[in-house]
N, C-alpha and C. Protein backbone atom coordinates (compact mmCIF):
# COMPACT_ATOMS: atom_id res chain seq x y z
N LEU A 1 103.77 85.86 104.43
CA LEU A 1 102.70 86.72 103.94
C LEU A 1 103.16 88.18 103.88
N VAL A 2 103.84 88.64 104.91
CA VAL A 2 104.31 90.02 104.93
C VAL A 2 105.36 90.26 103.85
N TYR A 3 106.22 89.28 103.63
CA TYR A 3 107.21 89.40 102.56
C TYR A 3 106.51 89.55 101.21
N TYR A 4 105.44 88.80 101.00
CA TYR A 4 104.68 88.91 99.76
C TYR A 4 104.05 90.30 99.63
N MET A 5 103.53 90.81 100.74
CA MET A 5 102.94 92.16 100.72
C MET A 5 103.98 93.22 100.39
N ARG A 6 105.21 93.00 100.83
CA ARG A 6 106.27 93.99 100.60
C ARG A 6 106.85 93.89 99.20
N HIS A 7 107.03 92.65 98.69
CA HIS A 7 107.79 92.47 97.45
C HIS A 7 106.97 91.91 96.30
N GLY A 8 105.75 91.44 96.55
CA GLY A 8 104.92 90.91 95.49
C GLY A 8 105.33 89.52 95.02
N ARG A 9 106.10 88.81 95.84
CA ARG A 9 106.51 87.44 95.51
C ARG A 9 106.76 86.70 96.82
N TRP A 10 106.74 85.36 96.74
CA TRP A 10 106.98 84.55 97.93
C TRP A 10 108.47 84.39 98.18
N ILE A 11 108.83 84.00 99.38
CA ILE A 11 110.23 83.80 99.75
C ILE A 11 110.82 82.65 98.94
N ASP A 12 112.01 82.84 98.45
CA ASP A 12 112.71 81.81 97.69
C ASP A 12 113.18 80.72 98.66
N PRO A 13 112.69 79.47 98.50
CA PRO A 13 113.11 78.41 99.43
C PRO A 13 114.61 78.15 99.44
N LYS A 14 115.30 78.51 98.35
CA LYS A 14 116.73 78.24 98.24
C LYS A 14 117.59 79.37 98.82
N GLU A 15 116.98 80.44 99.23
CA GLU A 15 117.74 81.57 99.75
C GLU A 15 118.36 81.22 101.11
N ILE A 16 119.67 81.47 101.25
CA ILE A 16 120.37 81.24 102.50
C ILE A 16 121.21 82.47 102.83
N PRO A 17 121.10 83.03 104.03
CA PRO A 17 120.15 82.64 105.07
C PRO A 17 118.72 82.98 104.68
N ASN A 18 117.78 82.25 105.27
CA ASN A 18 116.37 82.41 104.93
C ASN A 18 115.65 83.06 106.10
N MET A 19 114.73 83.97 105.79
CA MET A 19 114.07 84.69 106.88
C MET A 19 113.03 83.84 107.62
N THR A 20 112.74 82.63 107.14
CA THR A 20 111.86 81.73 107.87
C THR A 20 112.64 80.73 108.71
N GLN A 21 113.97 80.79 108.67
CA GLN A 21 114.81 79.82 109.37
C GLN A 21 115.75 80.54 110.34
N GLU A 22 115.26 80.75 111.55
CA GLU A 22 116.07 81.52 112.51
C GLU A 22 117.38 80.83 112.87
N LYS A 23 117.45 79.49 112.73
CA LYS A 23 118.66 78.77 113.09
C LYS A 23 119.78 78.98 112.07
N GLN A 24 119.49 79.60 110.95
CA GLN A 24 120.53 79.92 109.97
C GLN A 24 121.23 81.23 110.31
N HIS A 25 120.86 81.83 111.42
CA HIS A 25 121.44 83.11 111.83
C HIS A 25 122.21 82.91 113.14
N ALA A 26 123.30 83.64 113.29
CA ALA A 26 124.22 83.41 114.41
C ALA A 26 123.56 83.66 115.76
N THR A 27 122.72 84.69 115.84
CA THR A 27 122.05 85.05 117.09
C THR A 27 120.61 85.46 116.79
N TRP A 28 119.80 85.50 117.83
CA TRP A 28 118.42 85.99 117.65
C TRP A 28 118.43 87.44 117.20
N HIS A 29 119.35 88.24 117.74
CA HIS A 29 119.43 89.65 117.33
C HIS A 29 119.72 89.75 115.84
N ASN A 30 120.62 88.91 115.34
CA ASN A 30 120.93 88.91 113.91
C ASN A 30 119.71 88.53 113.09
N PHE A 31 118.95 87.56 113.58
CA PHE A 31 117.74 87.13 112.89
C PHE A 31 116.72 88.27 112.82
N TYR A 32 116.48 88.93 113.95
CA TYR A 32 115.52 90.04 113.96
C TYR A 32 115.97 91.15 113.02
N LYS A 33 117.26 91.48 113.04
CA LYS A 33 117.78 92.55 112.19
C LYS A 33 117.67 92.18 110.72
N PHE A 34 117.98 90.93 110.38
CA PHE A 34 117.90 90.45 109.00
C PHE A 34 116.48 90.55 108.47
N THR A 35 115.50 90.07 109.25
CA THR A 35 114.12 90.09 108.78
C THR A 35 113.59 91.51 108.68
N MET A 36 113.97 92.38 109.60
CA MET A 36 113.56 93.79 109.50
C MET A 36 114.11 94.43 108.23
N ASN A 37 115.37 94.15 107.91
CA ASN A 37 115.97 94.71 106.71
C ASN A 37 115.25 94.23 105.45
N LYS A 38 114.80 92.99 105.46
CA LYS A 38 114.07 92.44 104.31
C LYS A 38 112.75 93.16 104.09
N LEU A 39 112.19 93.70 105.15
CA LEU A 39 110.88 94.36 105.06
C LEU A 39 110.98 95.87 105.19
N HIS A 40 112.20 96.39 105.23
CA HIS A 40 112.43 97.83 105.37
C HIS A 40 111.76 98.60 104.21
N PRO A 41 111.16 99.74 104.49
CA PRO A 41 111.11 100.47 105.76
C PRO A 41 109.79 100.27 106.51
N ASN A 42 109.09 99.20 106.19
CA ASN A 42 107.70 99.09 106.65
C ASN A 42 107.50 98.30 107.93
N GLU A 43 108.54 97.63 108.44
CA GLU A 43 108.33 96.85 109.66
C GLU A 43 109.13 97.39 110.84
N GLN A 44 108.48 97.38 112.01
CA GLN A 44 109.14 97.65 113.28
C GLN A 44 109.03 96.39 114.14
N CYS A 45 110.10 96.06 114.84
CA CYS A 45 110.16 94.81 115.60
C CYS A 45 110.42 95.10 117.07
N ASP A 46 109.40 94.93 117.88
CA ASP A 46 109.54 95.03 119.33
C ASP A 46 110.01 93.65 119.81
N CYS A 47 111.29 93.39 119.63
CA CYS A 47 111.81 92.04 119.76
C CYS A 47 113.06 92.02 120.63
N PHE A 48 113.08 91.05 121.54
CA PHE A 48 114.29 90.80 122.33
C PHE A 48 114.25 89.36 122.80
N ARG A 49 115.37 88.68 122.62
CA ARG A 49 115.45 87.29 123.07
C ARG A 49 116.89 86.98 123.44
N PRO A 50 117.18 86.85 124.72
CA PRO A 50 118.55 86.52 125.12
C PRO A 50 118.89 85.11 124.70
N GLU A 51 120.16 84.86 124.52
CA GLU A 51 120.57 83.51 124.15
C GLU A 51 120.30 82.57 125.33
N GLY A 52 119.84 81.39 125.03
CA GLY A 52 119.40 80.48 126.09
C GLY A 52 117.89 80.51 126.19
N HIS A 53 117.34 79.60 126.97
CA HIS A 53 115.88 79.45 127.04
C HIS A 53 115.33 80.24 128.22
N LYS A 54 115.21 81.56 128.05
CA LYS A 54 114.71 82.43 129.12
C LYS A 54 113.36 83.00 128.68
N MET A 55 112.32 82.18 128.78
CA MET A 55 111.02 82.56 128.23
C MET A 55 110.44 83.84 128.84
N PRO A 56 110.61 84.10 130.16
CA PRO A 56 110.05 85.34 130.70
C PRO A 56 110.61 86.61 130.05
N LEU A 57 111.80 86.52 129.45
CA LEU A 57 112.42 87.69 128.83
C LEU A 57 112.18 87.76 127.32
N MET A 58 111.64 86.68 126.74
CA MET A 58 111.43 86.66 125.30
C MET A 58 110.30 87.60 124.90
N ASN A 59 110.51 88.28 123.81
CA ASN A 59 109.48 89.18 123.31
C ASN A 59 109.64 89.31 121.80
N GLU A 60 108.54 89.09 121.08
CA GLU A 60 108.58 89.26 119.62
C GLU A 60 107.21 89.74 119.15
N ASN A 61 107.09 91.04 119.01
CA ASN A 61 105.89 91.66 118.44
C ASN A 61 106.34 92.45 117.21
N ARG A 62 105.71 92.16 116.09
CA ARG A 62 106.12 92.79 114.83
C ARG A 62 104.96 93.59 114.24
N PHE A 63 105.29 94.74 113.68
CA PHE A 63 104.27 95.64 113.15
C PHE A 63 104.68 96.09 111.75
N TYR A 64 103.92 95.67 110.77
CA TYR A 64 104.17 96.03 109.38
C TYR A 64 103.08 96.98 108.92
N TRP A 65 103.50 98.10 108.35
CA TRP A 65 102.53 99.08 107.86
C TRP A 65 103.06 99.71 106.59
N ASP A 66 102.28 99.61 105.52
CA ASP A 66 102.60 100.22 104.24
C ASP A 66 101.54 101.28 103.97
N PRO A 67 101.81 102.54 104.31
CA PRO A 67 100.79 103.58 104.16
C PRO A 67 100.43 103.85 102.70
N ILE A 68 101.33 103.54 101.75
CA ILE A 68 101.04 103.79 100.34
C ILE A 68 99.98 102.81 99.83
N ARG A 69 100.15 101.52 100.18
CA ARG A 69 99.18 100.50 99.74
C ARG A 69 98.08 100.27 100.77
N ASN A 70 98.19 100.96 101.91
CA ASN A 70 97.20 100.82 102.99
C ASN A 70 97.10 99.37 103.47
N ASN A 71 98.27 98.76 103.66
CA ASN A 71 98.34 97.39 104.19
C ASN A 71 98.99 97.40 105.56
N SER A 72 98.44 96.68 106.48
CA SER A 72 99.07 96.52 107.79
C SER A 72 98.82 95.12 108.31
N ILE A 73 99.83 94.58 108.97
CA ILE A 73 99.71 93.27 109.59
C ILE A 73 100.65 93.23 110.79
N SER A 74 100.18 92.63 111.87
CA SER A 74 100.98 92.57 113.10
C SER A 74 101.09 91.13 113.56
N PHE A 75 102.16 90.85 114.28
CA PHE A 75 102.36 89.54 114.90
C PHE A 75 102.61 89.76 116.38
N PHE A 76 101.92 88.98 117.22
CA PHE A 76 102.08 89.10 118.67
C PHE A 76 102.47 87.74 119.24
N GLN A 77 103.40 87.75 120.17
CA GLN A 77 103.85 86.52 120.80
C GLN A 77 103.31 86.45 122.22
N LYS A 78 102.64 85.34 122.53
CA LYS A 78 102.16 85.11 123.90
C LYS A 78 102.25 83.62 124.19
N PHE A 79 102.99 83.26 125.24
CA PHE A 79 103.21 81.86 125.57
C PHE A 79 102.22 81.38 126.63
N GLY A 80 100.93 81.51 126.37
CA GLY A 80 99.95 81.01 127.31
C GLY A 80 99.82 81.87 128.55
N HIS A 81 98.98 81.43 129.49
CA HIS A 81 98.65 82.25 130.66
C HIS A 81 99.84 82.43 131.61
N LYS A 82 100.74 81.46 131.63
CA LYS A 82 101.87 81.52 132.56
C LYS A 82 102.79 82.69 132.25
N PHE A 83 102.92 83.01 130.97
CA PHE A 83 103.81 84.10 130.56
C PHE A 83 102.96 85.21 129.94
N PRO A 84 103.07 86.43 130.43
CA PRO A 84 102.18 87.49 129.95
C PRO A 84 102.54 87.99 128.57
N PHE A 85 101.53 88.54 127.89
CA PHE A 85 101.82 89.36 126.72
C PHE A 85 102.44 90.64 127.23
N LYS A 86 103.47 91.11 126.55
CA LYS A 86 104.08 92.38 126.95
C LYS A 86 104.56 93.12 125.72
N SER A 87 104.55 94.44 125.83
CA SER A 87 105.06 95.29 124.76
C SER A 87 105.89 96.40 125.39
N ASN A 88 107.03 96.68 124.78
CA ASN A 88 107.88 97.77 125.25
C ASN A 88 107.46 99.11 124.68
N TRP A 89 106.44 99.10 123.82
CA TRP A 89 105.98 100.33 123.18
C TRP A 89 104.51 100.56 123.48
N ASN A 90 104.11 101.82 123.52
CA ASN A 90 102.69 102.15 123.56
C ASN A 90 102.07 101.82 122.20
N TYR A 91 100.79 101.48 122.22
CA TYR A 91 100.13 101.13 120.95
C TYR A 91 100.10 102.30 119.98
N THR A 92 100.27 103.52 120.49
CA THR A 92 100.29 104.70 119.62
C THR A 92 101.62 104.84 118.87
N ASP A 93 102.65 104.08 119.30
CA ASP A 93 103.99 104.30 118.77
C ASP A 93 104.53 103.14 117.94
N VAL A 94 103.73 102.13 117.68
CA VAL A 94 104.27 100.89 117.11
C VAL A 94 104.80 101.08 115.68
N ASN A 95 104.28 102.06 114.95
CA ASN A 95 104.73 102.25 113.57
C ASN A 95 105.81 103.32 113.43
N LYS A 96 106.28 103.84 114.57
CA LYS A 96 107.38 104.81 114.55
C LYS A 96 108.71 104.06 114.52
N PRO A 97 109.77 104.68 114.01
CA PRO A 97 111.08 104.00 113.97
C PRO A 97 111.59 103.68 115.38
N HIS A 98 112.09 102.47 115.55
CA HIS A 98 112.65 102.02 116.83
C HIS A 98 113.94 101.25 116.56
N GLU A 99 114.81 101.29 117.54
CA GLU A 99 116.02 100.47 117.50
C GLU A 99 115.74 99.15 118.20
N LEU A 100 116.35 98.07 117.70
CA LEU A 100 116.21 96.78 118.36
C LEU A 100 116.89 96.81 119.73
N LEU A 101 116.25 96.17 120.71
CA LEU A 101 116.87 96.04 122.02
C LEU A 101 118.02 95.05 121.95
N THR A 102 119.07 95.31 122.74
CA THR A 102 120.25 94.44 122.72
C THR A 102 120.60 93.91 124.11
N ARG A 103 120.01 94.51 125.18
CA ARG A 103 120.38 94.10 126.54
C ARG A 103 119.11 93.90 127.39
N GLU A 104 119.24 93.05 128.40
CA GLU A 104 118.11 92.76 129.27
C GLU A 104 117.64 94.01 130.01
N ASP A 105 118.57 94.90 130.38
CA ASP A 105 118.17 96.08 131.16
C ASP A 105 117.40 97.11 130.32
N GLN A 106 117.30 96.88 129.00
CA GLN A 106 116.51 97.77 128.15
C GLN A 106 115.04 97.37 128.09
N VAL A 107 114.73 96.17 128.56
CA VAL A 107 113.35 95.69 128.54
C VAL A 107 112.54 96.46 129.58
N ASN A 108 111.52 97.17 129.11
CA ASN A 108 110.70 98.01 129.99
C ASN A 108 109.27 98.05 129.46
N PRO A 109 108.48 97.02 129.76
CA PRO A 109 107.14 96.91 129.18
C PRO A 109 106.21 98.06 129.59
N THR A 110 105.46 98.57 128.62
CA THR A 110 104.42 99.56 128.91
C THR A 110 103.10 98.87 129.21
N ILE A 111 102.97 97.61 128.79
CA ILE A 111 101.82 96.78 129.13
C ILE A 111 102.31 95.37 129.37
N GLU A 112 101.74 94.71 130.37
CA GLU A 112 102.11 93.34 130.71
C GLU A 112 100.89 92.69 131.33
N THR A 113 100.29 91.76 130.62
CA THR A 113 99.06 91.14 131.11
C THR A 113 98.99 89.67 130.72
N ASN A 114 98.51 88.86 131.66
CA ASN A 114 98.28 87.44 131.39
C ASN A 114 96.94 87.18 130.75
N GLU A 115 96.05 88.17 130.82
CA GLU A 115 94.67 87.98 130.38
C GLU A 115 94.52 88.23 128.89
N TRP A 116 93.97 87.24 128.19
CA TRP A 116 93.78 87.38 126.74
C TRP A 116 92.84 88.53 126.40
N ASN A 117 91.75 88.69 127.18
CA ASN A 117 90.79 89.74 126.85
C ASN A 117 91.41 91.13 127.01
N GLU A 118 92.27 91.31 128.00
CA GLU A 118 92.95 92.61 128.17
C GLU A 118 93.94 92.86 127.05
N PHE A 119 94.67 91.84 126.68
CA PHE A 119 95.61 91.96 125.56
C PHE A 119 94.88 92.40 124.29
N ILE A 120 93.71 91.82 124.04
CA ILE A 120 92.94 92.16 122.84
C ILE A 120 92.33 93.55 122.95
N SER A 121 91.62 93.82 124.03
CA SER A 121 90.83 95.05 124.12
C SER A 121 91.68 96.29 124.44
N LYS A 122 92.75 96.11 125.21
CA LYS A 122 93.53 97.28 125.65
C LYS A 122 94.74 97.57 124.76
N PHE A 123 95.12 96.60 123.91
CA PHE A 123 96.27 96.85 123.05
C PHE A 123 95.93 96.68 121.58
N VAL A 124 95.55 95.47 121.19
CA VAL A 124 95.33 95.20 119.76
C VAL A 124 94.24 96.08 119.17
N ALA A 125 93.12 96.20 119.88
CA ALA A 125 91.98 96.96 119.35
C ALA A 125 92.26 98.46 119.25
N ASN A 126 93.32 98.93 119.91
CA ASN A 126 93.65 100.36 119.89
C ASN A 126 94.73 100.71 118.87
N LEU A 127 95.22 99.72 118.14
CA LEU A 127 96.23 100.00 117.12
C LEU A 127 95.63 100.86 116.01
N ASN A 128 96.49 101.64 115.38
CA ASN A 128 96.08 102.46 114.24
C ASN A 128 97.09 102.27 113.12
N PRO A 129 96.66 101.64 112.02
CA PRO A 129 95.31 101.19 111.67
C PRO A 129 94.84 100.04 112.57
N LYS A 130 93.54 100.02 112.85
CA LYS A 130 92.96 98.96 113.65
C LYS A 130 92.84 97.70 112.81
N PRO A 131 93.25 96.54 113.33
CA PRO A 131 93.13 95.30 112.55
C PRO A 131 91.67 94.97 112.22
N THR A 132 91.46 94.50 111.01
CA THR A 132 90.13 94.01 110.61
C THR A 132 89.94 92.57 111.09
N PHE A 133 91.00 91.77 110.96
CA PHE A 133 90.98 90.37 111.36
C PHE A 133 91.95 90.13 112.50
N PHE A 134 91.58 89.23 113.39
CA PHE A 134 92.46 88.80 114.47
C PHE A 134 92.60 87.29 114.36
N VAL A 135 93.77 86.85 113.88
CA VAL A 135 94.04 85.42 113.69
C VAL A 135 94.80 84.92 114.92
N TYR A 136 94.28 83.90 115.56
CA TYR A 136 94.90 83.44 116.80
C TYR A 136 95.00 81.92 116.82
N ASN A 137 95.97 81.44 117.60
CA ASN A 137 96.29 80.03 117.63
C ASN A 137 96.94 79.68 118.95
N GLU A 138 96.72 78.47 119.43
CA GLU A 138 97.30 78.04 120.70
C GLU A 138 98.81 77.95 120.65
N GLY A 139 99.36 77.52 119.52
CA GLY A 139 100.79 77.32 119.42
C GLY A 139 101.20 75.95 119.92
N ILE A 140 102.45 75.59 119.71
CA ILE A 140 102.91 74.25 120.08
C ILE A 140 103.47 74.19 121.49
N HIS A 141 103.75 75.35 122.12
CA HIS A 141 104.27 75.33 123.47
C HIS A 141 103.16 74.92 124.43
N PRO A 142 103.42 73.96 125.31
CA PRO A 142 102.33 73.40 126.13
C PRO A 142 101.74 74.40 127.11
N HIS A 143 100.46 74.59 127.02
CA HIS A 143 99.67 75.33 128.01
C HIS A 143 98.23 74.94 127.79
N ARG A 144 97.38 75.26 128.74
CA ARG A 144 95.99 74.80 128.67
C ARG A 144 94.99 75.95 128.59
N ASP A 145 95.46 77.11 128.16
CA ASP A 145 94.59 78.28 128.07
C ASP A 145 93.33 77.99 127.27
N PHE A 146 93.52 77.42 126.09
CA PHE A 146 92.39 77.30 125.17
C PHE A 146 91.48 76.12 125.50
N MET A 147 91.91 75.29 126.45
CA MET A 147 91.02 74.23 126.93
C MET A 147 90.05 74.76 127.97
N ASN A 148 90.33 75.97 128.45
CA ASN A 148 89.50 76.59 129.49
C ASN A 148 88.32 77.31 128.84
N LYS A 149 87.12 76.87 129.14
CA LYS A 149 85.91 77.45 128.54
C LYS A 149 85.77 78.93 128.87
N LYS A 150 86.17 79.32 130.07
CA LYS A 150 86.09 80.73 130.47
C LYS A 150 86.99 81.58 129.59
N THR A 151 88.22 81.09 129.35
CA THR A 151 89.14 81.82 128.49
C THR A 151 88.58 81.94 127.08
N MET A 152 87.99 80.88 126.58
CA MET A 152 87.38 80.91 125.26
C MET A 152 86.30 81.99 125.18
N ARG A 153 85.43 82.03 126.18
CA ARG A 153 84.36 83.03 126.18
C ARG A 153 84.93 84.45 126.25
N GLN A 154 85.99 84.64 127.05
CA GLN A 154 86.60 85.96 127.18
C GLN A 154 87.20 86.43 125.86
N ILE A 155 87.88 85.53 125.16
CA ILE A 155 88.48 85.88 123.88
C ILE A 155 87.40 86.25 122.87
N LEU A 156 86.38 85.42 122.75
CA LEU A 156 85.32 85.65 121.77
C LEU A 156 84.57 86.94 122.08
N ARG A 157 84.34 87.20 123.37
CA ARG A 157 83.63 88.42 123.75
C ARG A 157 84.49 89.66 123.46
N ALA A 158 85.79 89.59 123.77
CA ALA A 158 86.68 90.73 123.52
C ALA A 158 86.75 91.04 122.04
N LEU A 159 86.80 90.03 121.21
CA LEU A 159 86.83 90.26 119.76
C LEU A 159 85.53 90.87 119.27
N ARG A 160 84.44 90.36 119.77
CA ARG A 160 83.13 90.87 119.35
C ARG A 160 82.96 92.33 119.78
N GLU A 161 83.31 92.64 121.02
CA GLU A 161 83.15 94.00 121.53
C GLU A 161 84.14 94.96 120.86
N SER A 162 85.27 94.45 120.40
CA SER A 162 86.28 95.30 119.75
C SER A 162 86.00 95.49 118.26
N GLY A 163 85.03 94.74 117.74
CA GLY A 163 84.67 94.89 116.33
C GLY A 163 85.67 94.29 115.35
N MET A 164 86.41 93.28 115.81
CA MET A 164 87.36 92.60 114.92
C MET A 164 86.82 91.21 114.57
N ILE A 165 87.15 90.74 113.39
CA ILE A 165 86.72 89.42 112.93
C ILE A 165 87.70 88.38 113.45
N GLY A 166 87.22 87.44 114.26
CA GLY A 166 88.07 86.42 114.83
C GLY A 166 88.27 85.25 113.88
N VAL A 167 89.52 84.86 113.69
CA VAL A 167 89.86 83.71 112.84
C VAL A 167 90.71 82.76 113.68
N TYR A 168 90.14 81.62 114.05
CA TYR A 168 90.95 80.66 114.80
C TYR A 168 91.70 79.77 113.82
N LYS A 169 93.02 79.65 114.01
CA LYS A 169 93.87 78.80 113.17
C LYS A 169 94.25 77.57 113.98
N THR A 170 93.92 76.39 113.47
CA THR A 170 94.28 75.17 114.20
C THR A 170 95.79 74.95 114.14
N THR A 171 96.28 74.20 115.11
CA THR A 171 97.72 74.04 115.29
C THR A 171 98.30 73.03 114.30
N THR A 172 99.44 73.37 113.72
CA THR A 172 100.12 72.45 112.81
C THR A 172 100.68 71.26 113.60
N LYS A 173 101.07 70.23 112.89
CA LYS A 173 101.47 68.98 113.53
C LYS A 173 102.98 68.88 113.73
N TYR A 174 103.36 68.21 114.83
CA TYR A 174 104.76 67.89 115.03
C TYR A 174 105.25 66.96 113.91
N LYS A 175 106.55 66.90 113.74
CA LYS A 175 107.13 66.13 112.65
C LYS A 175 106.71 64.66 112.69
N TYR A 176 106.72 64.06 113.89
CA TYR A 176 106.40 62.64 114.00
C TYR A 176 105.08 62.42 114.75
N HIS A 177 104.24 63.44 114.78
CA HIS A 177 103.03 63.38 115.60
C HIS A 177 102.10 62.25 115.22
N ASN A 178 101.95 61.99 113.94
CA ASN A 178 100.95 61.03 113.49
C ASN A 178 101.57 59.78 112.86
N ILE A 179 102.84 59.54 113.15
CA ILE A 179 103.49 58.39 112.53
C ILE A 179 103.76 57.33 113.58
N THR A 180 103.13 56.18 113.44
CA THR A 180 103.35 55.05 114.34
C THR A 180 103.49 53.80 113.48
N ASN A 181 104.55 53.06 113.74
CA ASN A 181 104.78 51.81 112.99
C ASN A 181 104.78 52.05 111.48
N ASN A 182 105.42 53.17 111.08
CA ASN A 182 105.58 53.48 109.65
C ASN A 182 104.26 53.69 108.91
N ARG A 183 103.23 54.12 109.62
CA ARG A 183 101.97 54.41 108.94
C ARG A 183 101.40 55.72 109.48
N ILE A 184 100.58 56.34 108.69
CA ILE A 184 99.96 57.60 109.08
C ILE A 184 98.65 57.32 109.82
N ASP A 185 98.50 57.91 110.99
CA ASP A 185 97.26 57.80 111.75
C ASP A 185 96.46 59.07 111.52
N GLU A 186 95.34 58.96 110.84
CA GLU A 186 94.56 60.13 110.46
C GLU A 186 93.55 60.54 111.54
N THR A 187 93.50 59.83 112.64
CA THR A 187 92.51 60.13 113.67
C THR A 187 92.92 61.36 114.47
N ASN A 188 91.92 62.03 114.99
CA ASN A 188 92.13 63.17 115.89
C ASN A 188 93.01 64.25 115.28
N LEU A 189 92.75 64.59 114.02
CA LEU A 189 93.55 65.62 113.36
C LEU A 189 93.35 67.00 113.99
N ILE A 190 92.15 67.26 114.47
CA ILE A 190 91.88 68.50 115.19
C ILE A 190 91.35 68.13 116.56
N ARG A 191 91.99 68.63 117.61
CA ARG A 191 91.53 68.32 118.95
C ARG A 191 90.19 68.99 119.23
N ASP A 192 89.44 68.43 120.17
CA ASP A 192 88.06 68.85 120.40
C ASP A 192 87.95 70.34 120.71
N TYR A 193 88.83 70.86 121.57
CA TYR A 193 88.71 72.27 121.94
C TYR A 193 89.04 73.19 120.77
N GLU A 194 89.93 72.74 119.89
CA GLU A 194 90.22 73.54 118.70
C GLU A 194 89.01 73.54 117.76
N MET A 195 88.35 72.42 117.64
CA MET A 195 87.14 72.35 116.83
C MET A 195 86.07 73.26 117.40
N ASP A 196 86.01 73.34 118.73
CA ASP A 196 85.04 74.22 119.39
C ASP A 196 85.33 75.68 119.06
N PHE A 197 86.60 76.05 119.10
CA PHE A 197 86.98 77.41 118.73
C PHE A 197 86.61 77.69 117.27
N CYS A 198 86.86 76.71 116.41
CA CYS A 198 86.54 76.90 115.00
C CYS A 198 85.04 77.14 114.81
N LYS A 199 84.23 76.42 115.54
CA LYS A 199 82.78 76.56 115.40
C LYS A 199 82.28 77.90 115.92
N LYS A 200 82.93 78.43 116.97
CA LYS A 200 82.42 79.64 117.61
C LYS A 200 83.09 80.92 117.13
N SER A 201 84.25 80.80 116.48
CA SER A 201 84.88 81.98 115.91
C SER A 201 84.16 82.38 114.62
N ASP A 202 84.42 83.60 114.17
CA ASP A 202 83.81 84.05 112.92
C ASP A 202 84.27 83.19 111.75
N LEU A 203 85.57 82.85 111.75
CA LEU A 203 86.15 82.05 110.67
C LEU A 203 87.13 81.05 111.27
N CYS A 204 87.43 80.01 110.49
CA CYS A 204 88.38 78.99 110.93
C CYS A 204 89.38 78.73 109.82
N ALA A 205 90.67 78.74 110.15
CA ALA A 205 91.73 78.34 109.22
C ALA A 205 92.22 76.97 109.65
N ASP A 206 91.80 75.96 108.94
CA ASP A 206 92.07 74.57 109.32
C ASP A 206 93.44 74.13 108.79
N SER A 207 94.37 73.88 109.71
CA SER A 207 95.73 73.47 109.33
C SER A 207 95.95 71.98 109.51
N SER A 208 94.88 71.21 109.64
CA SER A 208 95.05 69.78 109.86
C SER A 208 95.69 69.09 108.65
N TRP A 209 95.69 69.76 107.49
CA TRP A 209 96.37 69.21 106.32
C TRP A 209 97.87 69.05 106.56
N SER A 210 98.39 69.71 107.60
CA SER A 210 99.84 69.69 107.82
C SER A 210 100.36 68.29 108.16
N TRP A 211 99.46 67.37 108.55
CA TRP A 211 99.92 66.00 108.80
C TRP A 211 100.40 65.33 107.52
N LYS A 212 100.03 65.89 106.37
CA LYS A 212 100.44 65.32 105.09
C LYS A 212 101.79 65.84 104.61
N VAL A 213 102.34 66.84 105.28
CA VAL A 213 103.61 67.44 104.84
C VAL A 213 104.72 66.40 104.95
N PRO A 214 105.47 66.15 103.87
CA PRO A 214 106.57 65.17 103.93
C PRO A 214 107.61 65.56 104.98
N LEU A 215 108.24 64.56 105.57
CA LEU A 215 109.21 64.82 106.63
C LEU A 215 110.36 65.70 106.17
N ASP A 216 110.73 65.62 104.90
CA ASP A 216 111.85 66.42 104.38
C ASP A 216 111.56 67.91 104.40
N TYR A 217 110.28 68.28 104.55
CA TYR A 217 109.92 69.69 104.56
C TYR A 217 109.93 70.29 105.96
N TYR A 218 110.29 69.50 106.96
CA TYR A 218 110.46 70.02 108.32
C TYR A 218 111.90 70.45 108.53
N SER A 219 112.08 71.59 109.18
CA SER A 219 113.43 72.05 109.52
C SER A 219 113.84 71.55 110.90
N ASP A 220 112.87 71.21 111.76
CA ASP A 220 113.11 70.57 113.05
C ASP A 220 111.83 69.83 113.42
N TYR A 221 111.62 69.57 114.69
CA TYR A 221 110.46 68.76 115.09
C TYR A 221 109.13 69.48 114.88
N ALA A 222 109.15 70.80 114.73
CA ALA A 222 107.89 71.54 114.69
C ALA A 222 107.79 72.59 113.60
N HIS A 223 108.92 72.97 112.98
CA HIS A 223 108.92 74.06 112.02
C HIS A 223 109.22 73.53 110.61
N PHE A 224 108.84 74.34 109.64
CA PHE A 224 108.91 73.90 108.25
C PHE A 224 109.94 74.68 107.45
N HIS A 225 110.33 74.08 106.31
CA HIS A 225 111.05 74.80 105.27
C HIS A 225 110.02 75.45 104.34
N GLU A 226 110.47 76.47 103.63
CA GLU A 226 109.65 76.95 102.53
C GLU A 226 109.58 75.87 101.45
N PRO A 227 108.50 75.72 100.69
CA PRO A 227 107.39 76.69 100.55
C PRO A 227 106.18 76.40 101.44
N VAL A 228 106.34 75.63 102.54
CA VAL A 228 105.18 75.27 103.36
C VAL A 228 104.49 76.50 103.92
N TYR A 229 105.28 77.48 104.38
CA TYR A 229 104.66 78.69 104.95
C TYR A 229 103.91 79.49 103.88
N SER A 230 104.42 79.45 102.66
CA SER A 230 103.70 80.10 101.57
C SER A 230 102.40 79.39 101.29
N TRP A 231 102.41 78.05 101.37
CA TRP A 231 101.17 77.29 101.15
C TRP A 231 100.08 77.70 102.14
N MET A 232 100.50 78.04 103.36
CA MET A 232 99.52 78.40 104.39
C MET A 232 98.78 79.68 104.07
N ASN A 233 99.34 80.46 103.15
CA ASN A 233 98.77 81.78 102.86
C ASN A 233 98.07 81.85 101.52
N VAL A 234 97.90 80.72 100.85
CA VAL A 234 97.23 80.74 99.54
C VAL A 234 96.01 79.83 99.59
């Protein structure tokens, strides 16, 4: 979506390396640098990910702002309650030029919170430009945040008090999630708690159609090749 906002066209599925395929890049740092260059000069990436699976150190918050067209869109990474949302920048500085972090000792969060309502009210709602919509999703990494009714109420209340429109996006399907004995199982396309979020949020983006995506369009067990990501935005 951000690429379309910057260039007025969707990502070419045949382009290699592709900015939707991080595994086509030698390192995470190379991937972050490549995607930033594609969106230059409008994106800043508060991003750091050491090689290996070190989730407490992972950070990927992206801020796109086009002052000429008055377009802004941000991406925030949060791996459930166990791992806090964190930002190495103050919310007042996210659209200023920054260098990508390259070492663990450079990580120095200005905010670090496990609470969804604090993340929304103390960081997202204070961005300038302030987001009109807040699109949120549980993600595929296992956690039970969104099954917790208290967490649901806190998120909905924080969005309402912050004056942002909440859009819950249901989770896309694993590559083999609904395939048993060579047939498609159409049952339980949206889990109950996700349906509850959809009913109580201002808007719902239903991704249950993703069970129909052909296997050839998956790049691994959970991620897609283009043009699937473009389909999600039209």
